[in-house]
Amino acid sequence: DSRIKATSAAFSVLIAIGIAVIYLWNLFS
C-alpha cells in the first residue's frame, strides 16, 4: 500500500469504467 498504488488503482478503475461503458454501449446499440 502506498500513494502510488492508490493513484494507479484509481487510474485503472477509471479505465475499467470506460471499458464497461463502451462494451455496454456496443451491446445496447
PDB file of all heavy atoms in Angstrom:
ATOM      1  N   ASP A   1       0.829  -1.202   0.000  1.00  0.00           N
ATOM      2  CA  ASP A   1       0.000   0.000   0.000  1.00  0.00           C
ATOM      3  C   ASP A   1       0.867   1.257   0.000  1.00  0.00           C
ATOM      4  O   ASP A   1       1.850   1.359   0.743  1.00  0.00           O
ATOM      5  CB  ASP A   1      -0.905   0.021   1.230  1.00  0.00           C
ATOM      6  CG  ASP A   1      -1.947  -1.083   1.179  1.00  0.00           C
ATOM      7  OD1 ASP A   1      -2.243  -1.540   0.068  1.00  0.00           O
ATOM      8  OD2 ASP A   1      -2.447  -1.486   2.245  1.00  0.00           O
ATOM      9  N   SER A   2       0.505   2.202  -0.852  1.00  0.00           N
ATOM     10  CA  SER A   2       1.222   3.482  -0.945  1.00  0.00           C
ATOM     11  C   SER A   2       0.369   4.449  -1.740  1.00  0.00           C
ATOM     12  O   SER A   2      -0.662   4.083  -2.314  1.00  0.00           O
ATOM     13  CB  SER A   2       2.581   3.298  -1.624  1.00  0.00           C
ATOM     14  OG  SER A   2       2.397   2.898  -2.973  1.00  0.00           O
ATOM     15  N   ARG A   3       0.809   5.714  -1.800  1.00  0.00           N
ATOM     16  CA  ARG A   3       0.089   6.704  -2.602  1.00  0.00           C
ATOM     17  C   ARG A   3       0.144   6.356  -4.085  1.00  0.00           C
ATOM     18  O   ARG A   3      -0.827   6.550  -4.819  1.00  0.00           O
ATOM     19  CB  ARG A   3       0.686   8.090  -2.366  1.00  0.00           C
ATOM     20  CG  ARG A   3       0.428   8.661  -0.978  1.00  0.00           C
ATOM     21  CD  ARG A   3       0.997  10.060  -0.870  1.00  0.00           C
ATOM     22  NE  ARG A   3       0.736  10.628   0.461  1.00  0.00           N
ATOM     23  CZ  ARG A   3       1.132  11.828   0.852  1.00  0.00           C
ATOM     24  NH1 ARG A   3       1.814  12.598   0.006  1.00  0.00           N
ATOM     25  NH2 ARG A   3       0.859  12.265   2.060  1.00  0.00           N
ATOM     26  N   ILE A   4       1.305   5.849  -4.498  1.00  0.00           N
ATOM     27  CA  ILE A   4       1.450   5.481  -5.909  1.00  0.00           C
ATOM     28  C   ILE A   4       0.486   4.346  -6.254  1.00  0.00           C
ATOM     29  O   ILE A   4      -0.153   4.344  -7.314  1.00  0.00           O
ATOM     30  CB  ILE A   4       2.897   5.054  -6.213  1.00  0.00           C
ATOM     31  CG1 ILE A   4       3.845   6.240  -6.007  1.00  0.00           C
ATOM     32  CG2 ILE A   4       3.009   4.529  -7.638  1.00  0.00           C
ATOM     33  CD1 ILE A   4       5.304   5.895  -6.218  1.00  0.00           C
ATOM     34  N   LYS A   5       0.365   3.370  -5.346  1.00  0.00           N
ATOM     35  CA  LYS A   5      -0.556   2.260  -5.590  1.00  0.00           C
ATOM     36  C   LYS A   5      -1.995   2.765  -5.657  1.00  0.00           C
ATOM     37  O   LYS A   5      -2.771   2.335  -6.514  1.00  0.00           O
ATOM     38  CB  LYS A   5      -0.423   1.217  -4.482  1.00  0.00           C
ATOM     39  CG  LYS A   5      -1.343   0.010  -4.686  1.00  0.00           C
ATOM     40  CD  LYS A   5      -1.156  -1.028  -3.597  1.00  0.00           C
ATOM     41  CE  LYS A   5      -2.064  -2.229  -3.831  1.00  0.00           C
ATOM     42  NZ  LYS A   5      -1.901  -3.278  -2.796  1.00  0.00           N
ATOM     43  N   ALA A   6      -2.339   3.692  -4.755  1.00  0.00           N
ATOM     44  CA  ALA A   6      -3.695   4.250  -4.757  1.00  0.00           C
ATOM     45  C   ALA A   6      -3.975   5.005  -6.045  1.00  0.00           C
ATOM     46  O   ALA A   6      -5.062   4.894  -6.631  1.00  0.00           O
ATOM     47  CB  ALA A   6      -3.871   5.176  -3.564  1.00  0.00           C
ATOM     48  N   THR A   7      -2.976   5.777  -6.519  1.00  0.00           N
ATOM     49  CA  THR A   7      -3.137   6.534  -7.766  1.00  0.00           C
ATOM     50  C   THR A   7      -3.304   5.592  -8.948  1.00  0.00           C
ATOM     51  O   THR A   7      -4.171   5.789  -9.803  1.00  0.00           O
ATOM     52  CB  THR A   7      -1.923   7.443  -8.000  1.00  0.00           C
ATOM     53  OG1 THR A   7      -1.784   8.328  -6.885  1.00  0.00           O
ATOM     54  CG2 THR A   7      -2.088   8.251  -9.277  1.00  0.00           C
ATOM     55  N   SER A   8      -2.444   4.570  -9.000  1.00  0.00           N
ATOM     56  CA  SER A   8      -2.531   3.598 -10.086  1.00  0.00           C
ATOM     57  C   SER A   8      -3.871   2.872 -10.065  1.00  0.00           C
ATOM     58  O   SER A   8      -4.484   2.634 -11.115  1.00  0.00           O
ATOM     59  CB  SER A   8      -1.384   2.589  -9.964  1.00  0.00           C
ATOM     60  OG  SER A   8      -1.486   1.586 -10.941  1.00  0.00           O
ATOM     61  N   ALA A   9      -4.344   2.521  -8.862  1.00  0.00           N
ATOM     62  CA  ALA A   9      -5.627   1.830  -8.730  1.00  0.00           C
ATOM     63  C   ALA A   9      -6.775   2.709  -9.211  1.00  0.00           C
ATOM     64  O   ALA A   9      -7.681   2.247  -9.913  1.00  0.00           O
ATOM     65  CB  ALA A   9      -5.854   1.410  -7.282  1.00  0.00           C
ATOM     66  N   ALA A  10      -6.728   3.998  -8.819  1.00  0.00           N
ATOM     67  CA  ALA A  10      -7.781   4.931  -9.245  1.00  0.00           C
ATOM     68  C   ALA A  10      -7.791   5.084 -10.767  1.00  0.00           C
ATOM     69  O   ALA A  10      -8.862   5.097 -11.400  1.00  0.00           O
ATOM     70  CB  ALA A  10      -7.572   6.285  -8.577  1.00  0.00           C
ATOM     71  N   PHE A  11      -6.599   5.206 -11.348  1.00  0.00           N
ATOM     72  CA  PHE A  11      -6.487   5.330 -12.807  1.00  0.00           C
ATOM     73  C   PHE A  11      -7.036   4.083 -13.489  1.00  0.00           C
ATOM     74  O   PHE A  11      -7.755   4.158 -14.495  1.00  0.00           O
ATOM     75  CB  PHE A  11      -5.021   5.549 -13.175  1.00  0.00           C
ATOM     76  CG  PHE A  11      -4.783   5.796 -14.634  1.00  0.00           C
ATOM     77  CD1 PHE A  11      -5.443   6.805 -15.311  1.00  0.00           C
ATOM     78  CD2 PHE A  11      -3.877   5.005 -15.341  1.00  0.00           C
ATOM     79  CE1 PHE A  11      -5.221   7.035 -16.663  1.00  0.00           C
ATOM     80  CE2 PHE A  11      -3.643   5.224 -16.687  1.00  0.00           C
ATOM     81  CZ  PHE A  11      -4.322   6.246 -17.351  1.00  0.00           C
ATOM     82  N   SER A  12      -6.721   2.919 -12.935  1.00  0.00           N
ATOM     83  CA  SER A  12      -7.188   1.660 -13.508  1.00  0.00           C
ATOM     84  C   SER A  12      -8.705   1.529 -13.410  1.00  0.00           C
ATOM     85  O   SER A  12      -9.353   1.020 -14.331  1.00  0.00           O
ATOM     86  CB  SER A  12      -6.518   0.483 -12.789  1.00  0.00           C
ATOM     87  OG  SER A  12      -5.120   0.523 -12.964  1.00  0.00           O
ATOM     88  N   VAL A  13      -9.261   1.983 -12.297  1.00  0.00           N
ATOM     89  CA  VAL A  13     -10.716   1.946 -12.126  1.00  0.00           C
ATOM     90  C   VAL A  13     -11.404   2.805 -13.185  1.00  0.00           C
ATOM     91  O   VAL A  13     -12.424   2.410 -13.773  1.00  0.00           O
ATOM     92  CB  VAL A  13     -11.115   2.408 -10.709  1.00  0.00           C
ATOM     93  CG1 VAL A  13     -12.624   2.659 -10.621  1.00  0.00           C
ATOM     94  CG2 VAL A  13     -10.701   1.378  -9.680  1.00  0.00           C
ATOM     95  N   LEU A  14     -10.837   3.980 -13.465  1.00  0.00           N
ATOM     96  CA  LEU A  14     -11.406   4.869 -14.489  1.00  0.00           C
ATOM     97  C   LEU A  14     -11.375   4.198 -15.861  1.00  0.00           C
ATOM     98  O   LEU A  14     -12.347   4.273 -16.627  1.00  0.00           O
ATOM     99  CB  LEU A  14     -10.642   6.186 -14.526  1.00  0.00           C
ATOM    100  CG  LEU A  14     -10.827   7.120 -13.322  1.00  0.00           C
ATOM    101  CD1 LEU A  14      -9.915   8.334 -13.450  1.00  0.00           C
ATOM    102  CD2 LEU A  14     -12.279   7.569 -13.205  1.00  0.00           C
ATOM    103  N   ILE A  15     -10.261   3.547 -16.166  1.00  0.00           N
ATOM    104  CA  ILE A  15     -10.158   2.841 -17.445  1.00  0.00           C
ATOM    105  C   ILE A  15     -11.172   1.706 -17.500  1.00  0.00           C
ATOM    106  O   ILE A  15     -11.841   1.500 -18.527  1.00  0.00           O
ATOM    107  CB  ILE A  15      -8.739   2.287 -17.651  1.00  0.00           C
ATOM    108  CG1 ILE A  15      -7.711   3.421 -17.691  1.00  0.00           C
ATOM    109  CG2 ILE A  15      -8.666   1.493 -18.957  1.00  0.00           C
ATOM    110  CD1 ILE A  15      -6.273   2.945 -17.752  1.00  0.00           C
ATOM    111  N   ALA A  16     -11.308   0.961 -16.388  1.00  0.00           N
ATOM    112  CA  ALA A  16     -12.254  -0.156 -16.345  1.00  0.00           C
ATOM    113  C   ALA A  16     -13.686   0.327 -16.550  1.00  0.00           C
ATOM    114  O   ALA A  16     -14.477  -0.313 -17.258  1.00  0.00           O
ATOM    115  CB  ALA A  16     -12.127  -0.892 -15.005  1.00  0.00           C
ATOM    116  N   ILE A  17     -14.021   1.459 -15.939  1.00  0.00           N
ATOM    117  CA  ILE A  17     -15.359   2.033 -16.119  1.00  0.00           C
ATOM    118  C   ILE A  17     -15.573   2.407 -17.581  1.00  0.00           C
ATOM    119  O   ILE A  17     -16.636   2.160 -18.164  1.00  0.00           O
ATOM    120  CB  ILE A  17     -15.549   3.267 -15.213  1.00  0.00           C
ATOM    121  CG1 ILE A  17     -15.592   2.835 -13.747  1.00  0.00           C
ATOM    122  CG2 ILE A  17     -16.840   4.015 -15.581  1.00  0.00           C
ATOM    123  CD1 ILE A  17     -15.607   3.982 -12.774  1.00  0.00           C
ATOM    124  N   GLY A  18     -14.544   3.009 -18.199  1.00  0.00           N
ATOM    125  CA  GLY A  18     -14.636   3.376 -19.608  1.00  0.00           C
ATOM    126  C   GLY A  18     -14.851   2.166 -20.499  1.00  0.00           C
ATOM    127  O   GLY A  18     -15.675   2.190 -21.425  1.00  0.00           O
ATOM    128  N   ILE A  19     -14.127   1.082 -20.217  1.00  0.00           N
ATOM    129  CA  ILE A  19     -14.287  -0.153 -20.993  1.00  0.00           C
ATOM    130  C   ILE A  19     -15.693  -0.716 -20.826  1.00  0.00           C
ATOM    131  O   ILE A  19     -16.329  -1.142 -21.798  1.00  0.00           O
ATOM    132  CB  ILE A  19     -13.238  -1.192 -20.554  1.00  0.00           C
ATOM    133  CG1 ILE A  19     -11.835  -0.727 -20.967  1.00  0.00           C
ATOM    134  CG2 ILE A  19     -13.538  -2.557 -21.160  1.00  0.00           C
ATOM    135  CD1 ILE A  19     -10.724  -1.599 -20.439  1.00  0.00           C
ATOM    136  N   ALA A  20     -16.187  -0.714 -19.591  1.00  0.00           N
ATOM    137  CA  ALA A  20     -17.540  -1.228 -19.328  1.00  0.00           C
ATOM    138  C   ALA A  20     -18.593  -0.407 -20.065  1.00  0.00           C
ATOM    139  O   ALA A  20     -19.540  -0.957 -20.644  1.00  0.00           O
ATOM    140  CB  ALA A  20     -17.819  -1.217 -17.828  1.00  0.00           C
ATOM    141  N   VAL A  21     -18.416   0.924 -20.066  1.00  0.00           N
ATOM    142  CA  VAL A  21     -19.368   1.807 -20.759  1.00  0.00           C
ATOM    143  C   VAL A  21     -19.362   1.530 -22.259  1.00  0.00           C
ATOM    144  O   VAL A  21     -20.421   1.424 -22.893  1.00  0.00           O
ATOM    145  CB  VAL A  21     -19.032   3.283 -20.475  1.00  0.00           C
ATOM    146  CG1 VAL A  21     -19.837   4.203 -21.397  1.00  0.00           C
ATOM    147  CG2 VAL A  21     -19.314   3.628 -19.015  1.00  0.00           C
ATOM    148  N   ILE A  22     -18.159   1.407 -22.835  1.00  0.00           N
ATOM    149  CA  ILE A  22     -18.050   1.134 -24.277  1.00  0.00           C
ATOM    150  C   ILE A  22     -18.682  -0.212 -24.624  1.00  0.00           C
ATOM    151  O   ILE A  22     -19.426  -0.330 -25.609  1.00  0.00           O
ATOM    152  CB  ILE A  22     -16.578   1.162 -24.713  1.00  0.00           C
ATOM    153  CG1 ILE A  22     -16.008   2.582 -24.585  1.00  0.00           C
ATOM    154  CG2 ILE A  22     -16.429   0.678 -26.160  1.00  0.00           C
ATOM    155  CD1 ILE A  22     -14.512   2.664 -24.797  1.00  0.00           C
ATOM    156  N   TYR A  23     -18.380  -1.220 -23.807  1.00  0.00           N
ATOM    157  CA  TYR A  23     -18.931  -2.554 -24.080  1.00  0.00           C
ATOM    158  C   TYR A  23     -20.458  -2.556 -23.981  1.00  0.00           C
ATOM    159  O   TYR A  23     -21.154  -3.099 -24.845  1.00  0.00           O
ATOM    160  CB  TYR A  23     -18.340  -3.571 -23.104  1.00  0.00           C
ATOM    161  CG  TYR A  23     -18.863  -4.973 -23.308  1.00  0.00           C
ATOM    162  CD1 TYR A  23     -18.426  -5.741 -24.383  1.00  0.00           C
ATOM    163  CD2 TYR A  23     -19.814  -5.515 -22.444  1.00  0.00           C
ATOM    164  CE1 TYR A  23     -18.913  -7.023 -24.584  1.00  0.00           C
ATOM    165  CE2 TYR A  23     -20.308  -6.795 -22.639  1.00  0.00           C
ATOM    166  CZ  TYR A  23     -19.849  -7.535 -23.714  1.00  0.00           C
ATOM    167  OH  TYR A  23     -20.336  -8.797 -23.926  1.00  0.00           O
ATOM    168  N   LEU A  24     -20.994  -1.928 -22.927  1.00  0.00           N
ATOM    169  CA  LEU A  24     -22.445  -1.880 -22.746  1.00  0.00           C
ATOM    170  C   LEU A  24     -23.113  -1.056 -23.841  1.00  0.00           C
ATOM    171  O   LEU A  24     -24.221  -1.388 -24.294  1.00  0.00           O
ATOM    172  CB  LEU A  24     -22.785  -1.311 -21.366  1.00  0.00           C
ATOM    173  CG  LEU A  24     -22.417  -2.203 -20.176  1.00  0.00           C
ATOM    174  CD1 LEU A  24     -22.659  -1.466 -18.860  1.00  0.00           C
ATOM    175  CD2 LEU A  24     -23.216  -3.512 -20.203  1.00  0.00           C
ATOM    176  N   TRP A  25     -22.438   0.021 -24.258  1.00  0.00           N
ATOM    177  CA  TRP A  25     -22.993   0.843 -25.342  1.00  0.00           C
ATOM    178  C   TRP A  25     -23.056   0.051 -26.647  1.00  0.00           C
ATOM    179  O   TRP A  25     -24.049   0.102 -27.370  1.00  0.00           O
ATOM    180  CB  TRP A  25     -22.162   2.107 -25.525  1.00  0.00           C
ATOM    181  CG  TRP A  25     -22.589   2.921 -26.713  1.00  0.00           C
ATOM    182  CD1 TRP A  25     -21.979   3.023 -27.929  1.00  0.00           C
ATOM    183  CD2 TRP A  25     -23.764   3.745 -26.806  1.00  0.00           C
ATOM    184  NE1 TRP A  25     -22.686   3.843 -28.766  1.00  0.00           N
ATOM    185  CE2 TRP A  25     -23.781   4.295 -28.109  1.00  0.00           C
ATOM    186  CE3 TRP A  25     -24.783   4.058 -25.904  1.00  0.00           C
ATOM    187  CZ2 TRP A  25     -24.801   5.158 -28.513  1.00  0.00           C
ATOM    188  CZ3 TRP A  25     -25.798   4.907 -26.327  1.00  0.00           C
ATOM    189  CH2 TRP A  25     -25.795   5.442 -27.618  1.00  0.00           C
ATOM    190  N   ASN A  26     -21.977  -0.699 -26.961  1.00  0.00           N
ATOM    191  CA  ASN A  26     -21.986  -1.529 -28.157  1.00  0.00           C
ATOM    192  C   ASN A  26     -23.077  -2.583 -28.082  1.00  0.00           C
ATOM    193  O   ASN A  26     -23.757  -2.878 -29.066  1.00  0.00           O
ATOM    194  CB  ASN A  26     -20.621  -2.209 -28.333  1.00  0.00           C
ATOM    195  CG  ASN A  26     -19.540  -1.252 -28.789  1.00  0.00           C
ATOM    196  OD1 ASN A  26     -19.840  -0.168 -29.285  1.00  0.00           O
ATOM    197  ND2 ASN A  26     -18.296  -1.633 -28.611  1.00  0.00           N
ATOM    198  N   LEU A  27     -23.236  -3.169 -26.880  1.00  0.00           N
ATOM    199  CA  LEU A  27     -24.261  -4.184 -26.686  1.00  0.00           C
ATOM    200  C   LEU A  27     -25.653  -3.583 -26.850  1.00  0.00           C
ATOM    201  O   LEU A  27     -26.522  -4.148 -27.529  1.00  0.00           O
ATOM    202  CB  LEU A  27     -24.106  -4.807 -25.301  1.00  0.00           C
ATOM    203  CG  LEU A  27     -24.979  -6.029 -24.982  1.00  0.00           C
ATOM    204  CD1 LEU A  27     -24.609  -7.187 -25.896  1.00  0.00           C
ATOM    205  CD2 LEU A  27     -24.807  -6.424 -23.524  1.00  0.00           C
ATOM    206  N   PHE A  28     -25.861  -2.408 -26.246  1.00  0.00           N
ATOM    207  CA  PHE A  28     -27.150  -1.727 -26.333  1.00  0.00           C
ATOM    208  C   PHE A  28     -27.453  -1.304 -27.768  1.00  0.00           C
ATOM    209  O   PHE A  28     -28.575  -1.467 -28.259  1.00  0.00           O
ATOM    210  CB  PHE A  28     -27.148  -0.505 -25.410  1.00  0.00           C
ATOM    211  CG  PHE A  28     -28.405   0.320 -25.475  1.00  0.00           C
ATOM    212  CD1 PHE A  28     -29.571  -0.104 -24.861  1.00  0.00           C
ATOM    213  CD2 PHE A  28     -28.420   1.528 -26.169  1.00  0.00           C
ATOM    214  CE1 PHE A  28     -30.732   0.651 -24.928  1.00  0.00           C
ATOM    215  CE2 PHE A  28     -29.578   2.294 -26.243  1.00  0.00           C
ATOM    216  CZ  PHE A  28     -30.735   1.852 -25.621  1.00  0.00           C
ATOM    217  N   SER A  29     -26.427  -0.771 -28.449  1.00  0.00           N
ATOM    218  CA  SER A  29     -26.617  -0.330 -29.837  1.00  0.00           C
ATOM    219  C   SER A  29     -26.987  -1.498 -30.731  1.00  0.00           C
ATOM    220  O   SER A  29     -27.808  -1.370 -31.642  1.00  0.00           O
ATOM    221  CB  SER A  29     -25.342   0.340 -30.354  1.00  0.00           C
ATOM    222  OG  SER A  29     -25.040   1.487 -29.595  1.00  0.00           O
TER     223      SER A  29
END
